[in-house]
Amino acid sequence: MPAALAPRLWPGHLLALVLVLAAGLLGLWQLDAWQARRADEARDLTRAEPVSLGSVMGPDDPFPGRSVGQPVTLEGAWVPAGTIFVSGREHDGRDGYWMVTPLAVGGAGEPALPVVLGWVASTGDAPAPPAGDAELVGWLQPTEGTGAVDDDPGDDVLPQLRVADLAQRVDEDLYSAYAVAQEGVGGLPAADLEQLPDAGRFTAVRNLLYAVEWWFFGAFAVLIWWRWLGEQLAPRRAEPQPEDEEHPDTVTT
């Protein structure tokens, strides 16, 4: 029997095997979560049948990651005082703006959802903000967070469509999302779908890093086991024996 398989070493082998298997399985679990999230984000819901906004999310709910691009039916009252423009948006190769007005879902005074009405070449060419009640279908989108800095916080032009920035301009509570009207409101050209932001992938990347981390732990366990085994199999040095002391004869005078 090889020396490495001696019964006295079995507990160490078993512990190392359990640690490596656990790290490997946990890494595979995180890898599967990463792949599943990527698959969810790759789903194209833009051609799905519209559903009511309430069946997807409530006013206090975080954005449901699986519903990016989901067409939703919206009914409510416009909040024209909250109209803003988002710069850096293209349409037919031309640079311009998105025109955005919140819609109080369910009626005046209710929580509002920002709605991209359409595209304008300049803020001066924009029509008057819509008012009154409305019914429309829009693609649901997560709030943007590009980190762009607003050079002029006092105007109605924003560099990104971030709900937190809009919340400072309206009295109504806001959903943690916005919608892009499928058909332009007030005669505006509809916003191009290619301008819609991708779903964030931070969670997916975190799952992938967790998988790598678990596999690193497994490799570290193998390294520790290998060093331990080498120490156990190394020839043991014989302990030095004390030398006999020589006692000189005692001379009596």
Protein backbone atom coordinates (compact mmCIF):
# COMPACT_ATOMS: atom_id res chain seq x y z
CA MET A 1 0.00 0.00 0.00
CA PRO A 2 1.44 3.42 -0.93
CA ALA A 3 2.45 5.50 2.03
CA ALA A 4 -0.05 8.23 1.06
CA LEU A 5 -2.92 5.78 1.61
CA ALA A 6 -1.95 4.86 5.13
CA PRO A 7 -5.03 4.73 7.41
CA ARG A 8 -3.64 7.44 9.66
CA LEU A 9 -3.85 9.89 6.71
CA TRP A 10 -7.47 9.11 5.76
CA PRO A 11 -9.05 11.87 7.91
CA GLY A 12 -6.88 14.49 6.20
CA HIS A 13 -7.73 13.11 2.74
CA LEU A 14 -11.43 13.09 3.56
CA LEU A 15 -11.40 16.66 4.85
CA ALA A 16 -9.58 17.90 1.76
CA LEU A 17 -12.01 16.04 -0.51
CA VAL A 18 -15.04 17.54 1.24
CA LEU A 19 -13.63 21.07 1.04
CA VAL A 20 -12.73 20.79 -2.65
CA LEU A 21 -16.10 19.28 -3.59
CA ALA A 22 -17.99 21.93 -1.62
CA ALA A 23 -16.01 24.77 -3.22
CA GLY A 24 -16.48 23.28 -6.68
CA LEU A 25 -20.24 22.81 -6.27
CA LEU A 26 -20.72 26.28 -4.80
CA GLY A 27 -18.74 27.73 -7.70
CA LEU A 28 -20.92 25.87 -10.21
CA TRP A 29 -24.02 27.15 -8.41
CA GLN A 30 -22.85 30.75 -8.72
CA LEU A 31 -21.88 30.18 -12.36
CA ASP A 32 -25.36 28.86 -13.07
CA ALA A 33 -26.88 31.93 -11.36
CA TRP A 34 -24.69 34.15 -13.55
CA GLN A 35 -25.79 32.38 -16.73
CA ALA A 36 -29.45 32.46 -15.69
CA ARG A 37 -29.29 36.20 -15.04
CA ARG A 38 -27.66 36.81 -18.40
CA ALA A 39 -30.39 34.77 -20.07
CA ASP A 40 -33.05 36.79 -18.27
CA GLU A 41 -31.50 40.06 -19.38
CA ALA A 42 -31.23 38.83 -22.96
CA ARG A 43 -34.96 38.20 -23.20
CA ASP A 44 -36.66 40.51 -25.70
CA LEU A 45 -40.02 41.41 -24.21
CA THR A 46 -40.65 44.38 -26.47
CA ARG A 47 -42.98 42.33 -28.69
CA ALA A 48 -44.87 40.71 -25.82
CA GLU A 49 -48.52 41.46 -25.15
CA PRO A 50 -49.03 44.54 -22.97
CA VAL A 51 -49.96 43.95 -19.35
CA SER A 52 -51.12 46.35 -16.67
CA LEU A 53 -48.39 48.20 -14.80
CA GLY A 54 -49.81 46.98 -11.48
CA SER A 55 -49.25 43.36 -12.49
CA VAL A 56 -45.53 44.04 -12.96
CA MET A 57 -44.63 46.40 -10.11
CA GLY A 58 -46.08 48.70 -7.50
CA PRO A 59 -45.10 52.31 -6.73
CA ASP A 60 -42.86 51.25 -3.82
CA ASP A 61 -41.35 48.17 -5.48
CA PRO A 62 -37.80 47.96 -6.82
CA PHE A 63 -37.53 47.50 -10.54
CA PRO A 64 -38.19 43.86 -11.53
CA GLY A 65 -35.11 42.87 -13.52
CA ARG A 66 -36.99 40.24 -15.53
CA SER A 67 -39.38 42.87 -16.92
CA VAL A 68 -36.99 45.11 -18.87
CA GLY A 69 -38.80 46.14 -22.06
CA GLN A 70 -42.16 44.72 -20.99
CA PRO A 71 -45.01 46.64 -22.66
CA VAL A 72 -47.38 47.95 -19.98
CA THR A 73 -50.73 49.70 -20.21
CA LEU A 74 -50.87 53.03 -18.41
CA GLU A 75 -53.90 55.03 -17.31
CA GLY A 76 -53.82 58.21 -15.30
CA ALA A 77 -53.38 61.97 -15.35
CA TRP A 78 -50.43 63.89 -16.72
CA VAL A 79 -48.25 65.97 -14.41
CA PRO A 80 -47.12 68.70 -16.85
CA ALA A 81 -45.15 70.62 -14.22
CA GLY A 82 -42.69 67.72 -14.05
CA THR A 83 -41.78 67.79 -17.74
CA ILE A 84 -38.06 67.54 -18.46
CA PHE A 85 -35.80 66.85 -21.43
CA VAL A 86 -33.01 64.25 -21.60
CA SER A 87 -30.08 65.21 -23.79
CA GLY A 88 -27.90 63.06 -26.01
CA ARG A 89 -30.69 61.07 -27.71
CA GLU A 90 -30.55 60.27 -31.41
CA HIS A 91 -33.32 59.79 -33.95
CA ASP A 92 -32.67 59.00 -37.62
CA GLY A 93 -29.03 59.94 -37.12
CA ARG A 94 -29.83 63.33 -35.59
CA ASP A 95 -28.91 64.34 -32.08
CA GLY A 96 -31.69 65.66 -29.88
CA TYR A 97 -33.67 65.14 -26.70
CA TRP A 98 -36.24 62.93 -25.11
CA MET A 99 -39.28 64.79 -23.82
CA VAL A 100 -40.47 63.26 -20.55
CA THR A 101 -43.64 63.96 -18.56
CA PRO A 102 -44.73 62.03 -15.44
CA LEU A 103 -48.10 60.27 -15.51
CA ALA A 104 -49.94 59.94 -12.18
CA VAL A 105 -51.04 56.31 -12.49
CA GLY A 106 -54.69 55.96 -11.54
CA GLY A 107 -55.39 59.69 -11.34
CA ALA A 108 -54.20 63.02 -9.99
CA GLY A 109 -52.29 62.82 -6.73
CA GLU A 110 -51.33 59.16 -7.18
CA PRO A 111 -47.71 57.96 -7.58
CA ALA A 112 -46.38 58.91 -11.00
CA LEU A 113 -44.38 57.09 -13.65
CA PRO A 114 -42.11 59.17 -15.92
CA VAL A 115 -43.09 58.63 -19.56
CA VAL A 116 -40.88 59.35 -22.55
CA LEU A 117 -43.30 61.12 -24.87
CA GLY A 118 -40.96 61.09 -27.87
CA TRP A 119 -37.99 62.79 -29.51
CA VAL A 120 -37.42 66.48 -30.26
CA ALA A 121 -34.55 68.11 -32.13
CA SER A 122 -34.36 70.96 -29.61
CA THR A 123 -36.19 72.00 -26.49
CA GLY A 124 -37.47 75.08 -28.34
CA ASP A 125 -39.27 72.85 -30.86
CA ALA A 126 -41.05 70.85 -28.17
CA PRO A 127 -44.83 71.06 -27.93
CA ALA A 128 -46.61 72.08 -24.75
CA PRO A 129 -46.59 69.33 -22.12
CA PRO A 130 -49.69 67.12 -22.22
CA ALA A 131 -52.42 67.65 -19.63
CA GLY A 132 -55.52 65.81 -18.49
CA ASP A 133 -56.19 62.09 -18.49
CA ALA A 134 -54.39 59.63 -20.75
CA GLU A 135 -54.26 55.98 -21.75
CA LEU A 136 -51.23 54.59 -23.53
CA VAL A 137 -48.84 51.64 -23.87
CA GLY A 138 -45.16 51.98 -23.05
CA TRP A 139 -42.04 49.86 -22.71
CA LEU A 140 -41.00 49.57 -19.06
CA GLN A 141 -37.40 50.52 -18.35
CA PRO A 142 -35.14 50.74 -15.26
CA THR A 143 -33.99 54.15 -14.15
CA GLU A 144 -30.73 55.24 -15.73
CA GLY A 145 -27.54 55.73 -13.75
CA THR A 146 -24.73 56.60 -16.13
CA GLY A 147 -23.07 58.93 -13.64
CA ALA A 148 -23.32 61.87 -16.04
CA VAL A 149 -23.05 65.25 -14.33
CA ASP A 150 -25.74 67.90 -14.86
CA ASP A 151 -23.84 71.07 -15.77
CA ASP A 152 -26.90 73.28 -15.18
CA PRO A 153 -29.15 71.87 -12.43
CA GLY A 154 -31.46 74.89 -12.72
CA ASP A 155 -32.82 74.12 -16.20
CA ASP A 156 -35.17 71.39 -17.43
CA VAL A 157 -32.51 69.43 -19.32
CA LEU A 158 -30.95 66.37 -17.72
CA PRO A 159 -28.05 64.25 -19.03
CA GLN A 160 -29.77 61.02 -17.98
CA LEU A 161 -33.24 59.82 -17.05
CA ARG A 162 -32.72 59.18 -13.36
CA VAL A 163 -35.86 58.99 -11.23
CA ALA A 164 -34.06 60.47 -8.22
CA ASP A 165 -33.40 63.67 -10.22
CA LEU A 166 -37.04 63.86 -11.29
CA ALA A 167 -38.28 63.43 -7.74
CA GLN A 168 -37.02 66.90 -6.88
CA ARG A 169 -39.31 68.45 -9.48
CA VAL A 170 -42.71 66.94 -8.65
CA ASP A 171 -44.82 66.56 -5.52
CA GLU A 172 -46.02 63.07 -6.41
CA ASP A 173 -44.12 59.94 -5.40
CA LEU A 174 -42.39 58.30 -8.34
CA TYR A 175 -42.04 54.70 -9.46
CA SER A 176 -38.49 53.33 -9.60
CA ALA A 177 -38.84 53.00 -13.37
CA TYR A 178 -39.96 54.86 -16.45
CA ALA A 179 -41.81 53.97 -19.65
CA VAL A 180 -41.17 54.81 -23.29
CA ALA A 181 -44.41 55.46 -25.16
CA GLN A 182 -44.76 53.03 -28.06
CA GLU A 183 -46.29 55.81 -30.14
CA GLY A 184 -45.15 59.38 -29.84
CA VAL A 185 -47.41 61.52 -27.67
CA GLY A 186 -48.57 64.90 -28.98
CA GLY A 187 -47.31 64.19 -32.50
CA LEU A 188 -43.72 63.57 -31.43
CA PRO A 189 -41.66 60.85 -33.13
CA ALA A 190 -41.47 57.82 -30.84
CA ALA A 191 -38.13 57.31 -29.11
CA ASP A 192 -35.94 54.81 -30.94
CA LEU A 193 -35.74 51.41 -29.29
CA GLU A 194 -31.99 51.25 -29.84
CA GLN A 195 -31.69 54.18 -27.46
CA LEU A 196 -33.17 52.19 -24.60
CA PRO A 197 -30.57 51.25 -21.96
CA ASP A 198 -29.55 47.66 -21.37
CA ALA A 199 -30.41 46.06 -18.08
CA GLY A 200 -27.67 46.43 -15.49
CA ARG A 201 -25.34 43.43 -15.22
CA PHE A 202 -23.74 44.17 -11.86
CA THR A 203 -25.49 41.31 -10.10
CA ALA A 204 -24.50 38.90 -12.85
CA VAL A 205 -20.86 39.96 -12.60
CA ARG A 206 -20.99 39.53 -8.84
CA ASN A 207 -22.25 35.96 -9.26
CA LEU A 208 -19.40 35.23 -11.66
CA LEU A 209 -16.85 36.65 -9.23
CA TYR A 210 -18.35 34.53 -6.44
CA ALA A 211 -17.88 31.44 -8.63
CA VAL A 212 -14.21 32.29 -9.24
CA GLU A 213 -13.77 32.98 -5.52
CA TRP A 214 -15.14 29.56 -4.54
CA TRP A 215 -12.88 27.82 -7.05
CA PHE A 216 -9.94 29.78 -5.66
CA PHE A 217 -10.82 28.47 -2.19
CA GLY A 218 -10.91 24.93 -3.62
CA ALA A 219 -7.47 25.37 -5.20
CA PHE A 220 -6.16 26.77 -1.92
CA ALA A 221 -7.52 23.70 -0.08
CA VAL A 222 -5.67 21.44 -2.55
CA LEU A 223 -2.46 23.39 -1.93
CA ILE A 224 -2.80 23.09 1.84
CA TRP A 225 -3.57 19.34 1.55
CA TRP A 226 -0.52 18.83 -0.68
CA ARG A 227 1.80 20.56 1.75
CA TRP A 228 0.31 18.66 4.69
CA LEU A 229 0.76 15.36 2.87
CA GLY A 230 4.38 16.19 2.08
CA GLU A 231 5.04 16.90 5.72
CA GLN A 232 3.41 13.64 6.77
CA LEU A 233 5.42 11.57 4.30
CA ALA A 234 8.74 13.30 4.84
CA PRO A 235 11.37 11.08 6.53
CA ARG A 236 11.49 11.86 10.18
CA ARG A 237 14.87 12.73 11.58
CA ALA A 238 16.10 10.55 14.43
CA GLU A 239 16.13 12.42 17.70
CA PRO A 240 19.72 13.01 18.90
CA GLN A 241 20.66 10.83 21.82
CA PRO A 242 22.46 12.44 24.75
CA GLU A 243 26.11 11.47 24.78
CA ASP A 244 27.48 9.64 27.80
CA GLU A 245 29.31 12.04 29.97
CA GLU A 246 32.84 11.05 30.90
CA HIS A 247 33.49 11.45 34.58
CA PRO A 248 37.18 11.94 35.42
CA ASP A 249 38.59 9.92 38.27
CA THR A 250 38.60 11.75 41.51
CA VAL A 251 42.04 12.13 42.99
CA THR A 252 42.15 12.19 46.71
CA THR A 253 45.03 13.98 48.30
